[in-house]
Amino acid sequence: MPKIKSAKKALRQNIRRREKNNERKMALKKAVKNFKKLIEAKKIDEAKEALKNVYKIADKVASTKFIKKNKASRIKSRMTKMLGKKSSNQ
C-alpha cells in the first residue's frame, strides 16, 4: 500500500480507470458477440440493428482512446462484411 499522499491518489485514479476500461471492453465484446449470434441465427433484420450498436460503441470506445481509431474501423468493416455475405446468401 502506498504511504505517500500522491501515491494514494494515483492508486485511486488507477482503480477508477481500470473499472472504466473494463466496462468499455466488455461493452464492445458484448455488442460484437450479440451481432455474431444474430448473423449465425440468420436474423438479418435484427443483425442490422445490432450493427448500428456495434458502430456506436466502437466509435465511442475509440474516441476515449481505449482502442485506436483504425481498430474501430477494422471492427466495423469486418462486421459489415459479415452482414453483406449473409444477406446476399439469402
PDB file of N, CA and C in Angstrom:
ATOM      1  N   MET A   1       0.844  -1.192   0.000  1.00  0.00           N
ATOM      2  CA  MET A   1       0.000   0.000   0.000  1.00  0.00           C
ATOM      3  C   MET A   1       0.879   1.242   0.000  1.00  0.00           C
ATOM      4  N   PRO A   2       0.473   2.242  -0.758  1.00  0.00           N
ATOM      5  CA  PRO A   2       1.260   3.479  -0.798  1.00  0.00           C
ATOM      6  C   PRO A   2       1.159   4.247   0.522  1.00  0.00           C
ATOM      7  N   LYS A   3       2.229   4.920   0.813  1.00  0.00           N
ATOM      8  CA  LYS A   3       2.268   5.706   2.053  1.00  0.00           C
ATOM      9  C   LYS A   3       2.200   7.204   1.761  1.00  0.00           C
ATOM     10  N   ILE A   4       2.715   7.583   0.626  1.00  0.00           N
ATOM     11  CA  ILE A   4       2.757   8.995   0.250  1.00  0.00           C
ATOM     12  C   ILE A   4       1.399   9.413  -0.304  1.00  0.00           C
ATOM     13  N   LYS A   5       1.006  10.638   0.013  1.00  0.00           N
ATOM     14  CA  LYS A   5      -0.315  11.151  -0.360  1.00  0.00           C
ATOM     15  C   LYS A   5      -0.559  11.084  -1.871  1.00  0.00           C
ATOM     16  N   SER A   6       0.429  11.492  -2.653  1.00  0.00           N
ATOM     17  CA  SER A   6       0.263  11.494  -4.111  1.00  0.00           C
ATOM     18  C   SER A   6       0.150  10.073  -4.656  1.00  0.00           C
ATOM     19  N   ALA A   7       0.838   9.128  -4.020  1.00  0.00           N
ATOM     20  CA  ALA A   7       0.770   7.735  -4.451  1.00  0.00           C
ATOM     21  C   ALA A   7      -0.603   7.141  -4.136  1.00  0.00           C
ATOM     22  N   LYS A   8      -1.188   7.562  -3.007  1.00  0.00           N
ATOM     23  CA  LYS A   8      -2.538   7.105  -2.655  1.00  0.00           C
ATOM     24  C   LYS A   8      -3.552   7.594  -3.677  1.00  0.00           C
ATOM     25  N   LYS A   9      -3.395   8.852  -4.071  1.00  0.00           N
ATOM     26  CA  LYS A   9      -4.302   9.415  -5.075  1.00  0.00           C
ATOM     27  C   LYS A   9      -4.129   8.697  -6.412  1.00  0.00           C
ATOM     28  N   ALA A  10      -2.894   8.438  -6.782  1.00  0.00           N
ATOM     29  CA  ALA A  10      -2.621   7.739  -8.037  1.00  0.00           C
ATOM     30  C   ALA A  10      -3.261   6.351  -8.030  1.00  0.00           C
ATOM     31  N   LEU A  11      -3.215   5.685  -6.892  1.00  0.00           N
ATOM     32  CA  LEU A  11      -3.837   4.372  -6.765  1.00  0.00           C
ATOM     33  C   LEU A  11      -5.352   4.463  -6.961  1.00  0.00           C
ATOM     34  N   ARG A  12      -5.969   5.468  -6.341  1.00  0.00           N
ATOM     35  CA  ARG A  12      -7.417   5.655  -6.509  1.00  0.00           C
ATOM     36  C   ARG A  12      -7.758   5.915  -7.979  1.00  0.00           C
ATOM     37  N   GLN A  13      -6.948   6.732  -8.644  1.00  0.00           N
ATOM     38  CA  GLN A  13      -7.195   7.026 -10.054  1.00  0.00           C
ATOM     39  C   GLN A  13      -7.065   5.766 -10.909  1.00  0.00           C
ATOM     40  N   ASN A  14      -6.038   4.970 -10.625  1.00  0.00           N
ATOM     41  CA  ASN A  14      -5.820   3.743 -11.399  1.00  0.00           C
ATOM     42  C   ASN A  14      -6.976   2.768 -11.244  1.00  0.00           C
ATOM     43  N   ILE A  15      -7.512   2.681 -10.021  1.00  0.00           N
ATOM     44  CA  ILE A  15      -8.645   1.782  -9.786  1.00  0.00           C
ATOM     45  C   ILE A  15      -9.856   2.240 -10.586  1.00  0.00           C
ATOM     46  N   ARG A  16     -10.128   3.552 -10.561  1.00  0.00           N
ATOM     47  CA  ARG A  16     -11.266   4.105 -11.313  1.00  0.00           C
ATOM     48  C   ARG A  16     -11.089   3.886 -12.808  1.00  0.00           C
ATOM     49  N   ARG A  17      -9.899   4.125 -13.297  1.00  0.00           N
ATOM     50  CA  ARG A  17      -9.626   3.960 -14.729  1.00  0.00           C
ATOM     51  C   ARG A  17      -9.748   2.500 -15.152  1.00  0.00           C
ATOM     52  N   ARG A  18      -9.258   1.600 -14.309  1.00  0.00           N
ATOM     53  CA  ARG A  18      -9.336   0.169 -14.625  1.00  0.00           C
ATOM     54  C   ARG A  18     -10.788  -0.267 -14.753  1.00  0.00           C
ATOM     55  N   GLU A  19     -11.636   0.201 -13.838  1.00  0.00           N
ATOM     56  CA  GLU A  19     -13.055  -0.151 -13.887  1.00  0.00           C
ATOM     57  C   GLU A  19     -13.716   0.375 -15.158  1.00  0.00           C
ATOM     58  N   LYS A  20     -13.428   1.631 -15.493  1.00  0.00           N
ATOM     59  CA  LYS A  20     -13.993   2.232 -16.712  1.00  0.00           C
ATOM     60  C   LYS A  20     -13.538   1.476 -17.950  1.00  0.00           C
ATOM     61  N   ASN A  21     -12.236   1.165 -18.006  1.00  0.00           N
ATOM     62  CA  ASN A  21     -11.702   0.457 -19.169  1.00  0.00           C
ATOM     63  C   ASN A  21     -12.316  -0.925 -19.299  1.00  0.00           C
ATOM     64  N   ASN A  22     -12.532  -1.586 -18.165  1.00  0.00           N
ATOM     65  CA  ASN A  22     -13.148  -2.908 -18.198  1.00  0.00           C
ATOM     66  C   ASN A  22     -14.581  -2.822 -18.714  1.00  0.00           C
ATOM     67  N   GLU A  23     -15.321  -1.792 -18.295  1.00  0.00           N
ATOM     68  CA  GLU A  23     -16.686  -1.582 -18.787  1.00  0.00           C
ATOM     69  C   GLU A  23     -16.695  -1.379 -20.293  1.00  0.00           C
ATOM     70  N   ARG A  24     -15.764  -0.566 -20.773  1.00  0.00           N
ATOM     71  CA  ARG A  24     -15.680  -0.293 -22.216  1.00  0.00           C
ATOM     72  C   ARG A  24     -15.378  -1.561 -22.995  1.00  0.00           C
ATOM     73  N   LYS A  25     -14.403  -2.329 -22.493  1.00  0.00           N
ATOM     74  CA  LYS A  25     -14.004  -3.555 -23.177  1.00  0.00           C
ATOM     75  C   LYS A  25     -15.162  -4.543 -23.243  1.00  0.00           C
ATOM     76  N   MET A  26     -15.862  -4.708 -22.128  1.00  0.00           N
ATOM     77  CA  MET A  26     -16.966  -5.662 -22.087  1.00  0.00           C
ATOM     78  C   MET A  26     -18.134  -5.206 -22.964  1.00  0.00           C
ATOM     79  N   ALA A  27     -18.392  -3.908 -23.008  1.00  0.00           N
ATOM     80  CA  ALA A  27     -19.485  -3.396 -23.852  1.00  0.00           C
ATOM     81  C   ALA A  27     -19.207  -3.701 -25.318  1.00  0.00           C
ATOM     82  N   LEU A  28     -17.970  -3.485 -25.747  1.00  0.00           N
ATOM     83  CA  LEU A  28     -17.608  -3.749 -27.138  1.00  0.00           C
ATOM     84  C   LEU A  28     -17.688  -5.245 -27.435  1.00  0.00           C
ATOM     85  N   LYS A  29     -17.171  -6.057 -26.530  1.00  0.00           N
ATOM     86  CA  LYS A  29     -17.211  -7.509 -26.728  1.00  0.00           C
ATOM     87  C   LYS A  29     -18.639  -8.021 -26.809  1.00  0.00           C
ATOM     88  N   LYS A  30     -19.513  -7.535 -25.911  1.00  0.00           N
ATOM     89  CA  LYS A  30     -20.911  -7.973 -25.904  1.00  0.00           C
ATOM     90  C   LYS A  30     -21.619  -7.583 -27.189  1.00  0.00           C
ATOM     91  N   ALA A  31     -21.355  -6.361 -27.670  1.00  0.00           N
ATOM     92  CA  ALA A  31     -22.003  -5.894 -28.891  1.00  0.00           C
ATOM     93  C   ALA A  31     -21.599  -6.762 -30.082  1.00  0.00           C
ATOM     94  N   VAL A  32     -20.306  -7.051 -30.191  1.00  0.00           N
ATOM     95  CA  VAL A  32     -19.814  -7.870 -31.304  1.00  0.00           C
ATOM     96  C   VAL A  32     -20.351  -9.294 -31.189  1.00  0.00           C
ATOM     97  N   LYS A  33     -20.346  -9.833 -29.980  1.00  0.00           N
ATOM     98  CA  LYS A  33     -20.823 -11.200 -29.760  1.00  0.00           C
ATOM     99  C   LYS A  33     -22.311 -11.315 -30.101  1.00  0.00           C
ATOM    100  N   ASN A  34     -23.095 -10.336 -29.673  1.00  0.00           N
ATOM    101  CA  ASN A  34     -24.528 -10.327 -29.966  1.00  0.00           C
ATOM    102  C   ASN A  34     -24.768 -10.277 -31.470  1.00  0.00           C
ATOM    103  N   PHE A  35     -24.000  -9.428 -32.154  1.00  0.00           N
ATOM    104  CA  PHE A  35     -24.119  -9.303 -33.612  1.00  0.00           C
ATOM    105  C   PHE A  35     -23.812 -10.636 -34.286  1.00  0.00           C
ATOM    106  N   LYS A  36     -22.719 -11.286 -33.859  1.00  0.00           N
ATOM    107  CA  LYS A  36     -22.327 -12.557 -34.474  1.00  0.00           C
ATOM    108  C   LYS A  36     -23.373 -13.648 -34.234  1.00  0.00           C
ATOM    109  N   LYS A  37     -23.990 -13.647 -33.051  1.00  0.00           N
ATOM    110  CA  LYS A  37     -25.053 -14.622 -32.764  1.00  0.00           C
ATOM    111  C   LYS A  37     -26.223 -14.437 -33.717  1.00  0.00           C
ATOM    112  N   LEU A  38     -26.601 -13.185 -33.944  1.00  0.00           N
ATOM    113  CA  LEU A  38     -27.722 -12.902 -34.841  1.00  0.00           C
ATOM    114  C   LEU A  38     -27.399 -13.309 -36.277  1.00  0.00           C
ATOM    115  N   ILE A  39     -26.162 -13.101 -36.679  1.00  0.00           N
ATOM    116  CA  ILE A  39     -25.741 -13.494 -38.027  1.00  0.00           C
ATOM    117  C   ILE A  39     -25.826 -15.016 -38.169  1.00  0.00           C
ATOM    118  N   GLU A  40     -25.329 -15.743 -37.167  1.00  0.00           N
ATOM    119  CA  GLU A  40     -25.366 -17.206 -37.217  1.00  0.00           C
ATOM    120  C   GLU A  40     -26.800 -17.731 -37.224  1.00  0.00           C
ATOM    121  N   ALA A  41     -27.693 -17.027 -36.533  1.00  0.00           N
ATOM    122  CA  ALA A  41     -29.096 -17.439 -36.486  1.00  0.00           C
ATOM    123  C   ALA A  41     -29.864 -16.964 -37.722  1.00  0.00           C
ATOM    124  N   LYS A  42     -29.184 -16.262 -38.606  1.00  0.00           N
ATOM    125  CA  LYS A  42     -29.747 -15.746 -39.861  1.00  0.00           C
ATOM    126  C   LYS A  42     -30.913 -14.786 -39.629  1.00  0.00           C
ATOM    127  N   LYS A  43     -30.797 -13.993 -38.570  1.00  0.00           N
ATOM    128  CA  LYS A  43     -31.781 -12.944 -38.290  1.00  0.00           C
ATOM    129  C   LYS A  43     -31.207 -11.625 -38.806  1.00  0.00           C
ATOM    130  N   ILE A  44     -31.356 -11.414 -40.100  1.00  0.00           N
ATOM    131  CA  ILE A  44     -30.689 -10.306 -40.780  1.00  0.00           C
ATOM    132  C   ILE A  44     -31.213  -8.944 -40.312  1.00  0.00           C
ATOM    133  N   ASP A  45     -32.521  -8.805 -40.161  1.00  0.00           N
ATOM    134  CA  ASP A  45     -33.077  -7.512 -39.753  1.00  0.00           C
ATOM    135  C   ASP A  45     -32.599  -7.111 -38.361  1.00  0.00           C
ATOM    136  N   GLU A  46     -32.587  -8.071 -37.444  1.00  0.00           N
ATOM    137  CA  GLU A  46     -32.110  -7.791 -36.090  1.00  0.00           C
ATOM    138  C   GLU A  46     -30.605  -7.532 -36.097  1.00  0.00           C
ATOM    139  N   ALA A  47     -29.892  -8.212 -36.987  1.00  0.00           N
ATOM    140  CA  ALA A  47     -28.444  -8.024 -37.088  1.00  0.00           C
ATOM    141  C   ALA A  47     -28.114  -6.612 -37.568  1.00  0.00           C
ATOM    142  N   LYS A  48     -28.955  -6.068 -38.450  1.00  0.00           N
ATOM    143  CA  LYS A  48     -28.731  -4.690 -38.917  1.00  0.00           C
ATOM    144  C   LYS A  48     -28.848  -3.702 -37.765  1.00  0.00           C
ATOM    145  N   GLU A  49     -29.805  -3.925 -36.883  1.00  0.00           N
ATOM    146  CA  GLU A  49     -29.950  -3.064 -35.694  1.00  0.00           C
ATOM    147  C   GLU A  49     -28.758  -3.239 -34.761  1.00  0.00           C
ATOM    148  N   ALA A  50     -28.309  -4.481 -34.603  1.00  0.00           N
ATOM    149  CA  ALA A  50     -27.153  -4.754 -33.743  1.00  0.00           C
ATOM    150  C   ALA A  50     -25.890  -4.133 -34.324  1.00  0.00           C
ATOM    151  N   LEU A  51     -25.810  -4.079 -35.657  1.00  0.00           N
ATOM    152  CA  LEU A  51     -24.647  -3.467 -36.310  1.00  0.00           C
ATOM    153  C   LEU A  51     -24.556  -1.984 -35.975  1.00  0.00           C
ATOM    154  N   LYS A  52     -25.704  -1.319 -35.915  1.00  0.00           N
ATOM    155  CA  LYS A  52     -25.717   0.092 -35.527  1.00  0.00           C
ATOM    156  C   LYS A  52     -25.141   0.259 -34.127  1.00  0.00           C
ATOM    157  N   ASN A  53     -25.494  -0.667 -33.249  1.00  0.00           N
ATOM    158  CA  ASN A  53     -24.986  -0.634 -31.874  1.00  0.00           C
ATOM    159  C   ASN A  53     -23.477  -0.861 -31.843  1.00  0.00           C
ATOM    160  N   VAL A  54     -22.987  -1.779 -32.669  1.00  0.00           N
ATOM    161  CA  VAL A  54     -21.543  -2.043 -32.750  1.00  0.00           C
ATOM    162  C   VAL A  54     -20.820  -0.784 -33.216  1.00  0.00           C
ATOM    163  N   TYR A  55     -21.367  -0.128 -34.236  1.00  0.00           N
ATOM    164  CA  TYR A  55     -20.770   1.112 -34.747  1.00  0.00           C
ATOM    165  C   TYR A  55     -20.685   2.154 -33.639  1.00  0.00           C
ATOM    166  N   LYS A  56     -21.793   2.319 -32.930  1.00  0.00           N
ATOM    167  CA  LYS A  56     -21.865   3.336 -31.882  1.00  0.00           C
ATOM    168  C   LYS A  56     -20.836   3.083 -30.779  1.00  0.00           C
ATOM    169  N   ILE A  57     -20.788   1.854 -30.308  1.00  0.00           N
ATOM    170  CA  ILE A  57     -19.877   1.523 -29.214  1.00  0.00           C
ATOM    171  C   ILE A  57     -18.421   1.591 -29.673  1.00  0.00           C
ATOM    172  N   ALA A  58     -18.137   1.089 -30.871  1.00  0.00           N
ATOM    173  CA  ALA A  58     -16.759   1.118 -31.380  1.00  0.00           C
ATOM    174  C   ALA A  58     -16.268   2.559 -31.512  1.00  0.00           C
ATOM    175  N   ASP A  59     -17.122   3.438 -32.019  1.00  0.00           N
ATOM    176  CA  ASP A  59     -16.728   4.842 -32.158  1.00  0.00           C
ATOM    177  C   ASP A  59     -16.533   5.503 -30.800  1.00  0.00           C
ATOM    178  N   LYS A  60     -17.403   5.183 -29.862  1.00  0.00           N
ATOM    179  CA  LYS A  60     -17.308   5.775 -28.529  1.00  0.00           C
ATOM    180  C   LYS A  60     -16.034   5.320 -27.821  1.00  0.00           C
ATOM    181  N   VAL A  61     -15.726   4.038 -27.932  1.00  0.00           N
ATOM    182  CA  VAL A  61     -14.528   3.493 -27.292  1.00  0.00           C
ATOM    183  C   VAL A  61     -13.267   4.063 -27.945  1.00  0.00           C
ATOM    184  N   ALA A  62     -13.309   4.252 -29.262  1.00  0.00           N
ATOM    185  CA  ALA A  62     -12.153   4.817 -29.962  1.00  0.00           C
ATOM    186  C   ALA A  62     -11.969   6.292 -29.609  1.00  0.00           C
ATOM    187  N   SER A  63     -13.057   6.993 -29.365  1.00  0.00           N
ATOM    188  CA  SER A  63     -12.947   8.423 -29.038  1.00  0.00           C
ATOM    189  C   SER A  63     -12.304   8.635 -27.673  1.00  0.00           C
ATOM    190  N   THR A  64     -12.441   7.643 -26.781  1.00  0.00           N
ATOM    191  CA  THR A  64     -11.796   7.743 -25.464  1.00  0.00           C
ATOM    192  C   THR A  64     -10.367   7.210 -25.519  1.00  0.00           C
ATOM    193  N   LYS A  65      -9.939   6.781 -26.712  1.00  0.00           N
ATOM    194  CA  LYS A  65      -8.605   6.248 -26.962  1.00  0.00           C
ATOM    195  C   LYS A  65      -8.333   4.960 -26.199  1.00  0.00           C
ATOM    196  N   PHE A  66      -9.396   4.207 -25.911  1.00  0.00           N
ATOM    197  CA  PHE A  66      -9.217   2.884 -25.314  1.00  0.00           C
ATOM    198  C   PHE A  66      -8.691   1.939 -26.387  1.00  0.00           C
ATOM    199  N   ILE A  67      -9.230   2.076 -27.609  1.00  0.00           N
ATOM    200  CA  ILE A  67      -8.674   1.390 -28.771  1.00  0.00           C
ATOM    201  C   ILE A  67      -8.368   2.459 -29.806  1.00  0.00           C
ATOM    202  N   LYS A  68      -7.510   2.130 -30.751  1.00  0.00           N
ATOM    203  CA  LYS A  68      -7.169   3.102 -31.788  1.00  0.00           C
ATOM    204  C   LYS A  68      -8.294   3.198 -32.810  1.00  0.00           C
ATOM    205  N   LYS A  69      -8.331   4.321 -33.509  1.00  0.00           N
ATOM    206  CA  LYS A  69      -9.393   4.552 -34.485  1.00  0.00           C
ATOM    207  C   LYS A  69      -9.365   3.521 -35.603  1.00  0.00           C
ATOM    208  N   ASN A  70      -8.165   3.113 -36.010  1.00  0.00           N
ATOM    209  CA  ASN A  70      -8.071   2.108 -37.070  1.00  0.00           C
ATOM    210  C   ASN A  70      -8.635   0.765 -36.631  1.00  0.00           C
ATOM    211  N   LYS A  71      -8.471   0.424 -35.366  1.00  0.00           N
ATOM    212  CA  LYS A  71      -9.039  -0.830 -34.874  1.00  0.00           C
ATOM    213  C   LYS A  71     -10.554  -0.757 -34.889  1.00  0.00           C
ATOM    214  N   ALA A  72     -11.101   0.386 -34.490  1.00  0.00           N
ATOM    215  CA  ALA A  72     -12.552   0.560 -34.529  1.00  0.00           C
ATOM    216  C   ALA A  72     -13.051   0.425 -35.968  1.00  0.00           C
ATOM    217  N   SER A  73     -12.334   1.034 -36.894  1.00  0.00           N
ATOM    218  CA  SER A  73     -12.706   0.946 -38.310  1.00  0.00           C
ATOM    219  C   SER A  73     -12.635  -0.498 -38.798  1.00  0.00           C
ATOM    220  N   ARG A  74     -11.608  -1.206 -38.362  1.00  0.00           N
ATOM    221  CA  ARG A  74     -11.437  -2.597 -38.778  1.00  0.00           C
ATOM    222  C   ARG A  74     -12.577  -3.468 -38.250  1.00  0.00           C
ATOM    223  N   ILE A  75     -12.961  -3.250 -37.002  1.00  0.00           N
ATOM    224  CA  ILE A  75     -14.076  -4.000 -36.406  1.00  0.00           C
ATOM    225  C   ILE A  75     -15.357  -3.727 -37.196  1.00  0.00           C
ATOM    226  N   LYS A  76     -15.631  -2.448 -37.445  1.00  0.00           N
ATOM    227  CA  LYS A  76     -16.857  -2.080 -38.171  1.00  0.00           C
ATOM    228  C   LYS A  76     -16.852  -2.671 -39.572  1.00  0.00           C
ATOM    229  N   SER A  77     -15.705  -2.631 -40.225  1.00  0.00           N
ATOM    230  CA  SER A  77     -15.595  -3.153 -41.581  1.00  0.00           C
ATOM    231  C   SER A  77     -15.858  -4.653 -41.619  1.00  0.00           C
ATOM    232  N   ARG A  78     -15.286  -5.372 -40.680  1.00  0.00           N
ATOM    233  CA  ARG A  78     -15.464  -6.823 -40.648  1.00  0.00           C
ATOM    234  C   ARG A  78     -16.913  -7.211 -40.368  1.00  0.00           C
ATOM    235  N   MET A  79     -17.548  -6.488 -39.471  1.00  0.00           N
ATOM    236  CA  MET A  79     -18.939  -6.793 -39.143  1.00  0.00           C
ATOM    237  C   MET A  79     -19.845  -6.504 -40.343  1.00  0.00           C
ATOM    238  N   THR A  80     -19.588  -5.396 -41.027  1.00  0.00           N
ATOM    239  CA  THR A  80     -20.370  -5.036 -42.211  1.00  0.00           C
ATOM    240  C   THR A  80     -20.188  -6.077 -43.306  1.00  0.00           C
ATOM    241  N   LYS A  81     -18.956  -6.544 -43.456  1.00  0.00           N
ATOM    242  CA  LYS A  81     -18.655  -7.562 -44.462  1.00  0.00           C
ATOM    243  C   LYS A  81     -19.401  -8.861 -44.154  1.00  0.00           C
ATOM    244  N   MET A  82     -19.440  -9.240 -42.869  1.00  0.00           N
ATOM    245  CA  MET A  82     -20.176 -10.442 -42.464  1.00  0.00           C
ATOM    246  C   MET A  82     -21.658 -10.320 -42.807  1.00  0.00           C
ATOM    247  N   LEU A  83     -22.214  -9.161 -42.507  1.00  0.00           N
ATOM    248  CA  LEU A  83     -23.633  -8.914 -42.785  1.00  0.00           C
ATOM    249  C   LEU A  83     -23.892  -8.982 -44.283  1.00  0.00           C
ATOM    250  N   GLY A  84     -23.008  -8.401 -45.065  1.00  0.00           N
ATOM    251  CA  GLY A  84     -23.149  -8.415 -46.511  1.00  0.00           C
ATOM    252  C   GLY A  84     -23.139  -9.810 -47.079  1.00  0.00           C
ATOM    253  N   LYS A  85     -22.234 -10.646 -46.576  1.00  0.00           N
ATOM    254  CA  LYS A  85     -22.148 -12.033 -47.064  1.00  0.00           C
ATOM    255  C   LYS A  85     -23.409 -12.811 -46.724  1.00  0.00           C
ATOM    256  N   LYS A  86     -23.904 -12.680 -45.498  1.00  0.00           N
ATOM    257  CA  LYS A  86     -25.078 -13.426 -45.063  1.00  0.00           C
ATOM    258  C   LYS A  86     -26.350 -12.946 -45.771  1.00  0.00           C
ATOM    259  N   SER A  87     -26.453 -11.627 -45.964  1.00  0.00           N
ATOM    260  CA  SER A  87     -27.677 -11.114 -46.598  1.00  0.00           C
ATOM    261  C   SER A  87     -27.700 -11.431 -48.085  1.00  0.00           C
ATOM    262  N   SER A  88     -26.543 -11.560 -48.726  1.00  0.00           N
ATOM    263  CA  SER A  88     -26.511 -11.898 -50.154  1.00  0.00           C
ATOM    264  C   SER A  88     -26.785 -13.382 -50.376  1.00  0.00           C
ATOM    265  N   ASN A  89     -26.514 -14.197 -49.373  1.00  0.00           N
ATOM    266  CA  ASN A  89     -26.768 -15.655 -49.485  1.00  0.00           C
ATOM    267  C   ASN A  89     -28.251 -15.969 -49.433  1.00  0.00           C
ATOM    268  N   GLN A  90     -29.037 -15.095 -48.816  1.00  0.00           N
ATOM    269  CA  GLN A  90     -30.453 -15.387 -48.680  1.00  0.00           C
ATOM    270  C   GLN A  90     -31.258 -14.913 -49.837  1.00  0.00           C
TER     271      GLN A  90
END
